[in-house]
Amino acid sequence: MVAKVILLLVFFGMMIAVGLYSRKHATNVNDFVLGGRTVGPWLTAFAYGTSYFSAVVFVGYAGQFGYKYGLSATWIGLGNAIIGSLLAWVVLARRTRIMSNKLGSNTMPDFFGKRYDSKAIKLAASVISFIFLIPYTASVYKGLSALFEMAFDIPYEVCVIVMAALTCVYVILGGYMATAINDFIQGLIMLVGIVLVILAVLNGNGGFINAVKELAQIPSDIAVTEGQPGAFASFFGPDPINLLGVVVLTSLGTWGLPQMVHKFYAIKDEKAIKSGTIISTLFAVVVSGGCYFLGGFARLYDTEAIRNAAGAIDYDSIVPTMLAKLPDLLVGIVIVLVLSASMSTLSSLVLTSSSTLTLDFIDGTIVKEMKDKTKLLLMRIMLVFFVAISVIIALNPPEFIAQLMGYSWGALAGSFLAPFMYGLYMKKVTKLSVWVSFATGVGVTLTNMIWKYIASPINAGAITMVLTLILVPVVSFITPKMKKEKVEEIFTCFDEMKTNKDKEIK
């Protein structure tokens, strides 16, 4: 216990120290939200990765999908690395940085408003962002607190409140630069921690070969392969179709999440993007691949410890149960690992939501003209407000962690992915197609929450994203186009960038 407490105190002290150090980088709105657009490749790549993977992945997703799909759940982690990291950087990073700089936009809703020349679209995007980032934040608190209860026997409510307060402090102090520096430190902890945890869990089950052998002897209870032994140790697992849905949501979904795309706004230059692509991908392979690989052995822990009073599986307790018998020092490292992952995600979420609400909704709509200092103050107030709401939900969460995150990602990525990506590449995307995408993303998510016509919110989110990727170009083809001069002016940013690059080469 002493070792665990010391590790925590050192970690908390380090986070607060970074917040104090970063205050000088948060003196105006651009610095507070984007770090002055001067963030290098290592900080950006780690900020992207640590915002991507939190307690939701380590506790919620790894436990639930590892139990359902066995070792084939590792495909989710590899999908996150290839689609969610590598391709996201290749397809989005450069164009996002160039066009957002041209438009002078600091947030995704502001990008939509200026790219599609519509204040109404900007306001709608800011409302969608704020509302649907809340359940995601609540799911992070829930996953984090499950491990704290296991390690310290501290009440769930206390864990949630303490984590929220600490996140508030260092983001309020240092803004984006504080989160980026802390993300780098936290990312290093995650890389080392996940490797140590995997080795310890495998060792506790007699080594890798023995653990796989035991897993292969468990008969499948999934409808597709019911009764089949070896399904949980097989290449594609007991239910490859639903597994594909999880891969799509958790990988492609990042392309439309405001807090993820935000990282591309802040990166320094072209060279930093190339380096960041490689760093971010390797980080995802180790962290996400490692988490889901670890979760793949969940069936070996199918005892009363992971079942609720009614005898049903409590997916959120699987990973804490796997770790409960590890040595105290290693448990302390695990706690700091998950704390690192979660606080980096939380800081990204609260910064995104507070800046979106202040800059995209209040400024220019409720308050016509705001001074820079007023915006900074209001963002900090909104940050506390957002954290307070998410804490209230986290104290009485309605679903498993994975379901909470599924609703959030489904609505956000379902609404934003298509108009954002196509808006970077296609000049003929129309305003009406953006509204159709927003309506589809939010509509499918909300109606499915009520009537559950798609059993899994994960699959619902994946279907919504694919649907809007089809709808936006189709609707754009048959609806009135934007003014050609306006669009051409926006896209000159890529010509200007190419001209400048050619000059540098000469």
Protein backbone atom coordinates (compact mmCIF):
# COMPACT_ATOMS: atom_id res chain seq x y z
CA MET A 1 0.00 0.00 0.00
CA VAL A 2 2.86 2.37 0.82
CA ALA A 3 4.40 1.78 -2.62
CA LYS A 4 1.06 2.45 -4.34
CA VAL A 5 0.44 5.65 -2.38
CA ILE A 6 3.98 6.97 -3.06
CA LEU A 7 3.63 6.30 -6.79
CA LEU A 8 0.30 8.15 -6.84
CA LEU A 9 1.61 11.16 -4.93
CA VAL A 10 4.62 11.45 -7.25
CA PHE A 11 2.32 11.19 -10.27
CA PHE A 12 -0.12 13.83 -8.99
CA GLY A 13 2.72 16.17 -8.03
CA MET A 14 4.23 15.85 -11.50
CA MET A 15 0.91 16.67 -13.21
CA ILE A 16 0.36 19.79 -11.12
CA ALA A 17 3.99 20.90 -11.65
CA VAL A 18 3.52 20.66 -15.43
CA GLY A 19 0.32 22.71 -15.14
CA LEU A 20 2.18 25.44 -13.23
CA TYR A 21 5.09 25.37 -15.71
CA SER A 22 2.69 25.65 -18.68
CA ARG A 23 0.88 28.74 -17.42
CA LYS A 24 3.16 30.94 -19.54
CA HIS A 25 1.87 29.06 -22.63
CA ALA A 26 -1.78 29.81 -21.83
CA THR A 27 -1.98 33.59 -21.83
CA ASN A 28 -4.32 33.95 -24.82
CA VAL A 29 -7.05 31.93 -26.53
CA ASN A 30 -4.85 30.52 -29.32
CA ASP A 31 -2.20 29.37 -26.84
CA PHE A 32 -4.75 27.95 -24.38
CA VAL A 33 -6.60 25.95 -27.06
CA LEU A 34 -3.81 25.07 -29.53
CA GLY A 35 -0.49 25.75 -27.82
CA GLY A 36 0.14 28.47 -30.39
CA ARG A 37 0.18 25.85 -33.21
CA THR A 38 3.84 25.13 -32.39
CA VAL A 39 3.61 21.64 -30.87
CA GLY A 40 6.24 19.16 -32.08
CA PRO A 41 5.80 15.59 -33.38
CA TRP A 42 6.52 13.67 -30.16
CA LEU A 43 4.15 15.74 -28.03
CA THR A 44 1.43 15.67 -30.69
CA ALA A 45 1.75 11.94 -31.38
CA PHE A 46 1.64 11.06 -27.69
CA ALA A 47 -1.23 13.51 -27.13
CA TYR A 48 -3.14 11.76 -29.93
CA GLY A 49 -2.40 8.29 -28.57
CA THR A 50 -3.09 9.01 -24.92
CA SER A 51 -6.34 10.81 -25.80
CA TYR A 52 -7.31 7.74 -27.84
CA PHE A 53 -6.64 5.09 -25.19
CA SER A 54 -7.95 5.50 -21.66
CA ALA A 55 -9.49 3.43 -18.88
CA VAL A 56 -12.38 2.86 -21.29
CA VAL A 57 -10.06 0.75 -23.45
CA PHE A 58 -7.97 -0.83 -20.69
CA VAL A 59 -10.85 -1.69 -18.35
CA GLY A 60 -14.10 -1.49 -20.33
CA TYR A 61 -13.33 -2.53 -23.89
CA ALA A 62 -10.46 -4.93 -23.15
CA GLY A 63 -12.57 -6.72 -20.55
CA GLN A 64 -15.84 -6.88 -22.48
CA PHE A 65 -14.50 -7.66 -25.94
CA GLY A 66 -11.73 -9.90 -24.64
CA TYR A 67 -14.41 -11.97 -22.89
CA LYS A 68 -16.62 -12.05 -25.99
CA TYR A 69 -14.01 -12.65 -28.69
CA GLY A 70 -10.99 -14.15 -26.94
CA LEU A 71 -7.56 -13.58 -28.48
CA SER A 72 -9.14 -12.37 -31.72
CA ALA A 73 -9.91 -9.14 -29.81
CA THR A 74 -6.28 -8.25 -30.60
CA TRP A 75 -7.56 -7.34 -34.09
CA ILE A 76 -9.30 -4.36 -32.49
CA GLY A 77 -5.97 -3.05 -31.24
CA LEU A 78 -4.32 -3.60 -34.62
CA GLY A 79 -7.26 -1.87 -36.33
CA ASN A 80 -6.81 1.06 -33.95
CA ALA A 81 -3.14 1.26 -34.94
CA ILE A 82 -3.58 0.95 -38.72
CA ILE A 83 -6.93 2.71 -39.32
CA GLY A 84 -7.32 4.85 -36.22
CA SER A 85 -3.71 6.09 -36.11
CA LEU A 86 -1.69 5.49 -39.30
CA LEU A 87 -4.43 6.20 -41.87
CA ALA A 88 -5.95 8.99 -39.78
CA TRP A 89 -2.62 10.83 -39.81
CA VAL A 90 -1.99 10.12 -43.51
CA VAL A 91 -5.46 11.17 -44.67
CA LEU A 92 -6.33 13.97 -42.24
CA ALA A 93 -3.31 15.49 -40.49
CA ARG A 94 -1.72 17.61 -43.23
CA ARG A 95 -4.93 18.88 -44.79
CA THR A 96 -6.49 19.58 -41.38
CA ARG A 97 -3.52 21.65 -40.29
CA ILE A 98 -3.37 23.63 -43.55
CA MET A 99 -7.08 24.31 -43.98
CA SER A 100 -7.79 25.07 -40.30
CA ASN A 101 -4.90 27.55 -40.37
CA LYS A 102 -6.27 29.15 -43.56
CA LEU A 103 -9.76 29.45 -42.02
CA GLY A 104 -8.40 30.59 -38.65
CA SER A 105 -10.45 27.91 -36.88
CA ASN A 106 -9.50 26.57 -33.46
CA THR A 107 -12.20 23.91 -33.06
CA MET A 108 -14.09 21.42 -35.22
CA PRO A 109 -17.45 23.31 -35.02
CA ASP A 110 -15.64 26.51 -36.03
CA PHE A 111 -14.11 24.61 -38.95
CA PHE A 112 -17.58 23.48 -40.06
CA GLY A 113 -18.96 27.01 -39.75
CA LYS A 114 -16.20 28.57 -41.87
CA ARG A 115 -15.76 25.73 -44.35
CA TYR A 116 -19.49 25.60 -45.12
CA ASP A 117 -20.12 29.32 -44.55
CA SER A 118 -22.90 28.66 -42.03
CA LYS A 119 -23.22 29.91 -38.48
CA ALA A 120 -26.14 27.51 -37.91
CA ILE A 121 -23.94 24.50 -38.78
CA LYS A 122 -21.28 25.78 -36.38
CA LEU A 123 -23.81 26.14 -33.53
CA ALA A 124 -25.32 22.71 -34.17
CA ALA A 125 -21.87 21.09 -34.20
CA SER A 126 -20.94 22.78 -30.91
CA VAL A 127 -24.13 21.54 -29.22
CA ILE A 128 -23.60 17.98 -30.51
CA SER A 129 -19.97 18.06 -29.32
CA PHE A 130 -20.79 19.29 -25.84
CA ILE A 131 -23.72 16.91 -25.24
CA PHE A 132 -22.13 13.71 -26.55
CA LEU A 133 -18.68 14.24 -25.04
CA ILE A 134 -20.32 13.99 -21.61
CA PRO A 135 -21.14 10.22 -21.68
CA TYR A 136 -17.63 9.55 -23.02
CA THR A 137 -16.13 11.45 -20.08
CA ALA A 138 -18.40 9.60 -17.64
CA SER A 139 -17.22 6.26 -19.06
CA VAL A 140 -13.58 7.25 -18.43
CA TYR A 141 -14.32 8.09 -14.79
CA LYS A 142 -16.14 4.81 -14.36
CA GLY A 143 -13.30 2.71 -15.75
CA LEU A 144 -10.72 4.53 -13.68
CA SER A 145 -12.69 4.21 -10.46
CA ALA A 146 -13.20 0.46 -10.90
CA LEU A 147 -9.43 -0.03 -10.62
CA PHE A 148 -9.09 2.36 -7.70
CA GLU A 149 -11.70 0.44 -5.75
CA MET A 150 -9.79 -2.78 -6.37
CA ALA A 151 -6.38 -1.37 -5.41
CA PHE A 152 -7.19 0.95 -2.50
CA ASP A 153 -10.68 -0.04 -1.36
CA ILE A 154 -11.69 3.60 -1.81
CA PRO A 155 -15.39 4.33 -2.49
CA TYR A 156 -16.21 4.81 -6.16
CA GLU A 157 -17.67 8.28 -5.53
CA VAL A 158 -14.46 9.55 -3.91
CA CYS A 159 -12.37 8.27 -6.84
CA VAL A 160 -14.52 10.06 -9.41
CA ILE A 161 -14.49 13.39 -7.57
CA VAL A 162 -10.71 13.36 -6.89
CA MET A 163 -9.89 12.52 -10.54
CA ALA A 164 -12.19 15.26 -11.79
CA ALA A 165 -10.64 17.85 -9.46
CA LEU A 166 -7.06 16.97 -10.45
CA THR A 167 -7.85 17.10 -14.16
CA CYS A 168 -9.51 20.49 -13.71
CA VAL A 169 -6.49 21.93 -11.93
CA TYR A 170 -3.80 21.23 -14.48
CA VAL A 171 -5.93 21.98 -17.56
CA ILE A 172 -7.14 25.27 -16.08
CA LEU A 173 -3.55 26.22 -15.27
CA GLY A 174 -1.79 25.34 -18.52
CA GLY A 175 -4.37 24.66 -21.25
CA TYR A 176 -3.34 22.61 -24.29
CA MET A 177 0.41 22.80 -23.65
CA ALA A 178 -0.05 21.38 -20.14
CA THR A 179 -2.09 18.50 -21.54
CA ALA A 180 0.46 17.86 -24.32
CA ILE A 181 3.45 17.72 -21.95
CA ASN A 182 1.54 15.60 -19.45
CA ASP A 183 0.36 13.35 -22.28
CA PHE A 184 3.97 12.70 -23.25
CA ILE A 185 4.91 11.73 -19.69
CA GLN A 186 1.76 9.66 -19.31
CA GLY A 187 2.37 7.97 -22.67
CA LEU A 188 5.82 6.77 -21.58
CA ILE A 189 4.26 5.31 -18.42
CA MET A 190 1.59 3.56 -20.52
CA LEU A 191 4.16 1.98 -22.85
CA VAL A 192 6.22 0.52 -20.02
CA GLY A 193 3.22 -0.38 -17.87
CA ILE A 194 1.28 -2.36 -20.47
CA VAL A 195 4.30 -4.55 -21.27
CA LEU A 196 4.90 -5.30 -17.57
CA VAL A 197 1.22 -6.11 -16.96
CA ILE A 198 1.00 -8.53 -19.91
CA LEU A 199 4.13 -10.36 -18.79
CA ALA A 200 2.85 -10.59 -15.20
CA VAL A 201 -0.62 -11.88 -16.17
CA LEU A 202 0.80 -14.47 -18.57
CA ASN A 203 3.28 -15.59 -15.92
CA GLY A 204 0.40 -15.97 -13.45
CA ASN A 205 -1.27 -18.36 -15.90
CA GLY A 206 1.76 -20.57 -16.47
CA GLY A 207 3.19 -18.66 -19.41
CA PHE A 208 1.87 -17.80 -22.87
CA ILE A 209 1.66 -21.38 -24.23
CA ASN A 210 -0.17 -22.71 -21.18
CA ALA A 211 -2.57 -19.73 -21.06
CA VAL A 212 -3.52 -20.22 -24.73
CA LYS A 213 -3.92 -23.98 -24.17
CA GLU A 214 -6.33 -23.37 -21.28
CA LEU A 215 -8.23 -20.78 -23.30
CA ALA A 216 -8.59 -23.19 -26.23
CA GLN A 217 -10.32 -25.75 -24.00
CA ILE A 218 -13.20 -23.39 -23.11
CA PRO A 219 -16.28 -24.10 -25.30
CA SER A 220 -17.91 -21.12 -27.01
CA ASP A 221 -21.24 -19.82 -25.72
CA ILE A 222 -21.64 -17.38 -28.64
CA ALA A 223 -24.59 -18.20 -30.93
CA VAL A 224 -22.41 -18.30 -34.07
CA THR A 225 -20.02 -20.96 -32.74
CA GLU A 226 -21.90 -22.32 -29.71
CA GLY A 227 -20.27 -25.35 -28.12
CA GLN A 228 -17.15 -25.15 -30.27
CA PRO A 229 -13.94 -25.53 -28.25
CA GLY A 230 -10.95 -23.47 -29.32
CA ALA A 231 -13.01 -20.53 -30.62
CA PHE A 232 -11.57 -18.12 -28.04
CA ALA A 233 -8.01 -18.94 -29.07
CA SER A 234 -8.69 -18.86 -32.82
CA PHE A 235 -7.60 -16.32 -35.45
CA PHE A 236 -10.99 -14.66 -36.04
CA GLY A 237 -12.69 -15.76 -32.81
CA PRO A 238 -16.24 -16.92 -32.17
CA ASP A 239 -18.08 -13.97 -33.77
CA PRO A 240 -16.10 -12.27 -36.57
CA ILE A 241 -19.00 -10.12 -37.88
CA ASN A 242 -19.63 -8.32 -34.58
CA LEU A 243 -15.87 -8.12 -34.06
CA LEU A 244 -15.65 -6.20 -37.33
CA GLY A 245 -18.24 -3.72 -36.03
CA VAL A 246 -16.06 -3.00 -32.99
CA VAL A 247 -12.97 -2.56 -35.19
CA VAL A 248 -14.82 -0.06 -37.41
CA LEU A 249 -16.25 2.04 -34.55
CA THR A 250 -13.09 2.19 -32.44
CA SER A 251 -10.77 2.76 -35.42
CA LEU A 252 -12.62 4.83 -38.01
CA GLY A 253 -14.50 6.67 -35.26
CA THR A 254 -11.43 8.67 -34.25
CA TRP A 255 -11.51 10.43 -37.64
CA GLY A 256 -14.64 12.31 -36.59
CA LEU A 257 -13.99 12.97 -32.89
CA PRO A 258 -13.35 16.66 -32.08
CA GLN A 259 -10.80 15.96 -29.34
CA MET A 260 -8.74 13.73 -31.68
CA VAL A 261 -8.78 15.91 -34.80
CA HIS A 262 -7.91 18.88 -32.58
CA LYS A 263 -4.36 17.50 -32.30
CA PHE A 264 -3.78 18.08 -36.01
CA TYR A 265 -4.68 21.77 -35.66
CA ALA A 266 -1.83 22.33 -33.22
CA ILE A 267 1.07 20.46 -34.86
CA LYS A 268 4.01 22.62 -35.91
CA ASP A 269 4.86 21.77 -39.55
CA GLU A 270 5.03 19.21 -42.37
CA LYS A 271 8.11 17.49 -41.00
CA ALA A 272 6.42 17.08 -37.63
CA ILE A 273 3.45 15.39 -39.30
CA LYS A 274 5.65 12.74 -40.95
CA SER A 275 7.41 11.93 -37.68
CA GLY A 276 4.17 12.06 -35.70
CA THR A 277 2.54 9.52 -38.04
CA ILE A 278 5.20 6.89 -37.28
CA ILE A 279 5.34 7.60 -33.54
CA SER A 280 1.57 7.56 -33.13
CA THR A 281 1.19 4.27 -35.02
CA LEU A 282 3.87 2.46 -33.02
CA PHE A 283 2.36 3.79 -29.79
CA ALA A 284 -1.06 2.39 -30.77
CA VAL A 285 0.38 -1.03 -31.68
CA VAL A 286 1.92 -1.42 -28.22
CA VAL A 287 -0.80 0.17 -26.07
CA SER A 288 -4.03 -0.75 -27.85
CA GLY A 289 -2.76 -4.05 -29.21
CA GLY A 290 -1.44 -4.90 -25.74
CA CYS A 291 -4.70 -3.99 -23.99
CA TYR A 292 -6.89 -6.16 -26.22
CA PHE A 293 -4.36 -9.01 -26.23
CA LEU A 294 -4.46 -8.94 -22.42
CA GLY A 295 -8.28 -8.86 -22.45
CA GLY A 296 -8.27 -11.93 -24.69
CA PHE A 297 -7.48 -14.08 -21.65
CA ALA A 298 -10.55 -12.84 -19.75
CA ARG A 299 -12.30 -16.24 -19.89
CA LEU A 300 -9.59 -17.68 -17.65
CA TYR A 301 -10.99 -15.47 -14.87
CA ASP A 302 -14.66 -16.44 -15.26
CA THR A 303 -15.49 -16.85 -11.57
CA GLU A 304 -17.97 -15.35 -9.12
CA ALA A 305 -15.65 -12.34 -8.84
CA ILE A 306 -16.74 -11.04 -12.26
CA ARG A 307 -20.46 -11.71 -11.84
CA ASN A 308 -23.10 -9.47 -10.28
CA ALA A 309 -25.81 -10.45 -7.79
CA ALA A 310 -28.02 -11.76 -10.59
CA GLY A 311 -25.21 -13.99 -11.89
CA ALA A 312 -24.62 -11.97 -15.07
CA ILE A 313 -21.13 -10.98 -16.23
CA ASP A 314 -19.98 -7.57 -14.98
CA TYR A 315 -17.61 -6.77 -17.81
CA ASP A 316 -16.11 -3.77 -16.04
CA SER A 317 -14.81 -5.96 -13.22
CA ILE A 318 -12.92 -8.41 -15.44
CA VAL A 319 -9.63 -6.52 -15.82
CA PRO A 320 -9.52 -5.43 -12.13
CA THR A 321 -10.00 -9.12 -11.22
CA MET A 322 -7.16 -10.12 -13.55
CA LEU A 323 -4.88 -7.62 -11.80
CA ALA A 324 -6.02 -8.14 -8.21
CA LYS A 325 -3.44 -10.84 -7.40
CA LEU A 326 -0.42 -9.05 -8.84
CA PRO A 327 2.33 -7.83 -6.46
CA ASP A 328 1.58 -4.46 -4.79
CA LEU A 329 4.32 -2.61 -6.65
CA LEU A 330 3.05 -3.85 -10.00
CA VAL A 331 -0.54 -2.96 -9.05
CA GLY A 332 0.75 0.52 -8.25
CA ILE A 333 2.32 0.71 -11.72
CA VAL A 334 -0.97 -0.45 -13.25
CA ILE A 335 -2.89 2.21 -11.35
CA VAL A 336 -0.51 4.90 -12.59
CA LEU A 337 -0.73 3.42 -16.12
CA VAL A 338 -4.54 3.63 -16.21
CA LEU A 339 -4.50 6.96 -14.40
CA SER A 340 -2.11 8.26 -17.08
CA ALA A 341 -4.31 7.01 -19.89
CA SER A 342 -7.48 8.34 -18.32
CA MET A 343 -6.31 11.76 -17.19
CA SER A 344 -4.84 12.47 -20.62
CA THR A 345 -8.16 11.56 -22.23
CA LEU A 346 -10.13 13.54 -19.65
CA SER A 347 -7.98 16.64 -20.13
CA SER A 348 -8.45 16.43 -23.89
CA LEU A 349 -12.21 16.00 -23.54
CA VAL A 350 -12.75 18.85 -21.08
CA LEU A 351 -10.52 21.23 -23.05
CA THR A 352 -12.37 20.41 -26.27
CA SER A 353 -15.83 20.76 -24.75
CA SER A 354 -15.15 23.99 -22.85
CA SER A 355 -13.46 25.68 -25.84
CA THR A 356 -16.25 24.54 -28.17
CA LEU A 357 -19.01 25.86 -25.93
CA THR A 358 -17.24 29.19 -25.33
CA LEU A 359 -15.80 29.97 -28.76
CA ASP A 360 -18.45 28.38 -30.98
CA PHE A 361 -21.69 28.86 -29.06
CA ILE A 362 -21.47 31.69 -26.51
CA ASP A 363 -19.07 34.03 -28.35
CA GLY A 364 -20.90 35.81 -31.14
CA THR A 365 -24.28 34.28 -30.32
CA ILE A 366 -25.13 34.91 -26.68
CA VAL A 367 -22.41 37.53 -26.21
CA LYS A 368 -21.77 39.52 -29.38
CA GLU A 369 -18.20 40.63 -28.70
CA MET A 370 -15.86 39.13 -26.13
CA LYS A 371 -12.35 40.21 -25.21
CA ASP A 372 -9.59 37.61 -25.27
CA LYS A 373 -9.25 37.61 -21.47
CA THR A 374 -13.00 37.15 -21.08
CA LYS A 375 -12.93 34.15 -23.41
CA LEU A 376 -10.09 32.61 -21.40
CA LEU A 377 -11.97 33.09 -18.13
CA LEU A 378 -15.21 31.72 -19.57
CA MET A 379 -13.44 28.66 -21.02
CA ARG A 380 -12.07 27.87 -17.59
CA ILE A 381 -15.52 28.26 -16.03
CA MET A 382 -17.10 26.06 -18.73
CA LEU A 383 -14.36 23.52 -18.14
CA VAL A 384 -15.44 23.18 -14.50
CA PHE A 385 -19.11 23.08 -15.58
CA PHE A 386 -18.47 20.25 -18.06
CA VAL A 387 -16.53 18.23 -15.50
CA ALA A 388 -19.31 18.69 -12.94
CA ILE A 389 -21.99 17.35 -15.33
CA SER A 390 -19.90 14.35 -16.37
CA VAL A 391 -19.17 13.55 -12.70
CA ILE A 392 -22.89 13.54 -11.91
CA ILE A 393 -23.48 11.05 -14.72
CA ALA A 394 -20.44 8.98 -13.70
CA LEU A 395 -21.77 8.68 -10.14
CA ASN A 396 -24.84 6.90 -11.48
CA PRO A 397 -23.82 5.45 -14.87
CA PRO A 398 -26.66 3.80 -16.81
CA GLU A 399 -24.65 1.24 -18.81
CA PHE A 400 -21.42 -0.67 -19.01
CA ILE A 401 -18.40 1.43 -19.95
CA ALA A 402 -18.35 0.14 -23.53
CA GLN A 403 -22.00 1.08 -24.09
CA LEU A 404 -21.51 4.63 -22.77
CA MET A 405 -18.56 5.13 -25.09
CA GLY A 406 -20.46 3.51 -27.97
CA TYR A 407 -23.29 6.05 -27.73
CA SER A 408 -20.83 8.94 -27.57
CA TRP A 409 -18.62 7.82 -30.45
CA GLY A 410 -21.61 6.78 -32.56
CA ALA A 411 -23.23 10.22 -32.35
CA LEU A 412 -20.02 12.27 -32.71
CA ALA A 413 -18.26 10.28 -35.42
CA GLY A 414 -21.55 9.49 -37.16
CA SER A 415 -22.30 13.22 -37.37
CA PHE A 416 -18.85 14.68 -38.06
CA LEU A 417 -16.66 12.13 -39.86
CA ALA A 418 -18.13 12.41 -43.37
CA PRO A 419 -18.56 16.22 -43.65
CA PHE A 420 -15.16 16.78 -42.05
CA MET A 421 -13.16 14.37 -44.22
CA TYR A 422 -14.97 15.19 -47.47
CA GLY A 423 -14.73 18.90 -46.61
CA LEU A 424 -10.93 18.63 -46.70
CA TYR A 425 -10.86 17.00 -50.14
CA MET A 426 -14.07 17.75 -52.05
CA LYS A 427 -15.13 21.20 -53.22
CA LYS A 428 -18.72 20.17 -54.00
CA VAL A 429 -19.88 19.11 -50.52
CA THR A 430 -23.12 20.99 -49.79
CA LYS A 431 -24.58 22.50 -46.63
CA LEU A 432 -27.63 20.25 -46.82
CA SER A 433 -25.43 17.13 -46.89
CA VAL A 434 -23.79 18.32 -43.64
CA TRP A 435 -27.23 18.70 -42.02
CA VAL A 436 -28.19 15.21 -43.24
CA SER A 437 -25.02 13.81 -41.65
CA PHE A 438 -25.70 15.57 -38.33
CA ALA A 439 -29.32 14.39 -38.32
CA THR A 440 -28.33 10.80 -39.12
CA GLY A 441 -25.57 10.62 -36.50
CA VAL A 442 -27.67 12.04 -33.68
CA GLY A 443 -30.95 10.51 -34.87
CA VAL A 444 -29.73 6.92 -35.12
CA THR A 445 -27.95 7.17 -31.75
CA LEU A 446 -30.92 8.62 -29.85
CA THR A 447 -33.61 6.42 -31.41
CA ASN A 448 -31.48 3.32 -30.89
CA MET A 449 -30.99 4.26 -27.22
CA ILE A 450 -34.80 4.23 -26.85
CA TRP A 451 -35.94 1.37 -29.09
CA LYS A 452 -32.71 -0.66 -29.39
CA TYR A 453 -33.46 -1.84 -32.94
CA ILE A 454 -29.70 -2.44 -33.31
CA ALA A 455 -28.79 -4.60 -30.32
CA SER A 456 -25.28 -3.23 -29.85
CA PRO A 457 -24.61 0.53 -29.64
CA ILE A 458 -21.14 -0.32 -30.93
CA ASN A 459 -22.56 -1.76 -34.16
CA ALA A 460 -25.07 1.10 -34.34
CA GLY A 461 -22.21 3.60 -34.28
CA ALA A 462 -20.25 1.70 -36.94
CA ILE A 463 -23.32 1.47 -39.21
CA THR A 464 -24.03 5.19 -38.76
CA MET A 465 -20.51 6.17 -39.82
CA VAL A 466 -20.61 4.02 -42.94
CA LEU A 467 -24.11 5.34 -43.77
CA THR A 468 -23.10 9.01 -43.55
CA LEU A 469 -19.99 8.34 -45.64
CA ILE A 470 -22.40 7.26 -48.37
CA LEU A 471 -25.09 9.89 -47.75
CA VAL A 472 -22.89 13.02 -47.83
CA PRO A 473 -21.61 12.61 -51.44
CA VAL A 474 -25.03 11.40 -52.65
CA VAL A 475 -26.89 14.34 -51.09
CA SER A 476 -24.17 16.74 -52.30
CA PHE A 477 -24.70 15.51 -55.86
CA ILE A 478 -28.40 16.44 -55.89
CA THR A 479 -28.52 19.58 -53.71
CA PRO A 480 -27.49 23.22 -54.40
CA LYS A 481 -23.74 23.83 -54.25
CA MET A 482 -21.95 26.54 -52.29
CA LYS A 483 -20.71 29.66 -54.05
CA LYS A 484 -17.82 28.58 -56.25
CA GLU A 485 -15.70 31.66 -55.48
CA LYS A 486 -15.96 31.03 -51.73
CA VAL A 487 -14.92 27.38 -52.00
CA GLU A 488 -12.09 28.11 -54.45
CA GLU A 489 -10.70 30.71 -52.05
CA ILE A 490 -10.67 28.18 -49.21
CA PHE A 491 -8.88 25.54 -51.29
CA THR A 492 -6.15 27.96 -52.39
CA CYS A 493 -4.44 27.06 -49.10
CA PHE A 494 -3.20 23.78 -50.65
CA ASP A 495 -1.86 25.57 -53.74
CA GLU A 496 -0.09 28.11 -51.53
CA MET A 497 1.42 25.32 -49.45
CA LYS A 498 2.68 23.51 -52.57
CA THR A 499 4.20 26.76 -53.96
CA ASN A 500 6.02 27.45 -50.69
CA LYS A 501 7.29 23.88 -50.56
CA ASP A 502 8.64 24.10 -54.15
CA LYS A 503 10.47 27.32 -53.25
CA GLU A 504 12.08 25.60 -50.26
CA ILE A 505 13.28 22.73 -52.47
CA LYS A 506 14.80 25.13 -55.03
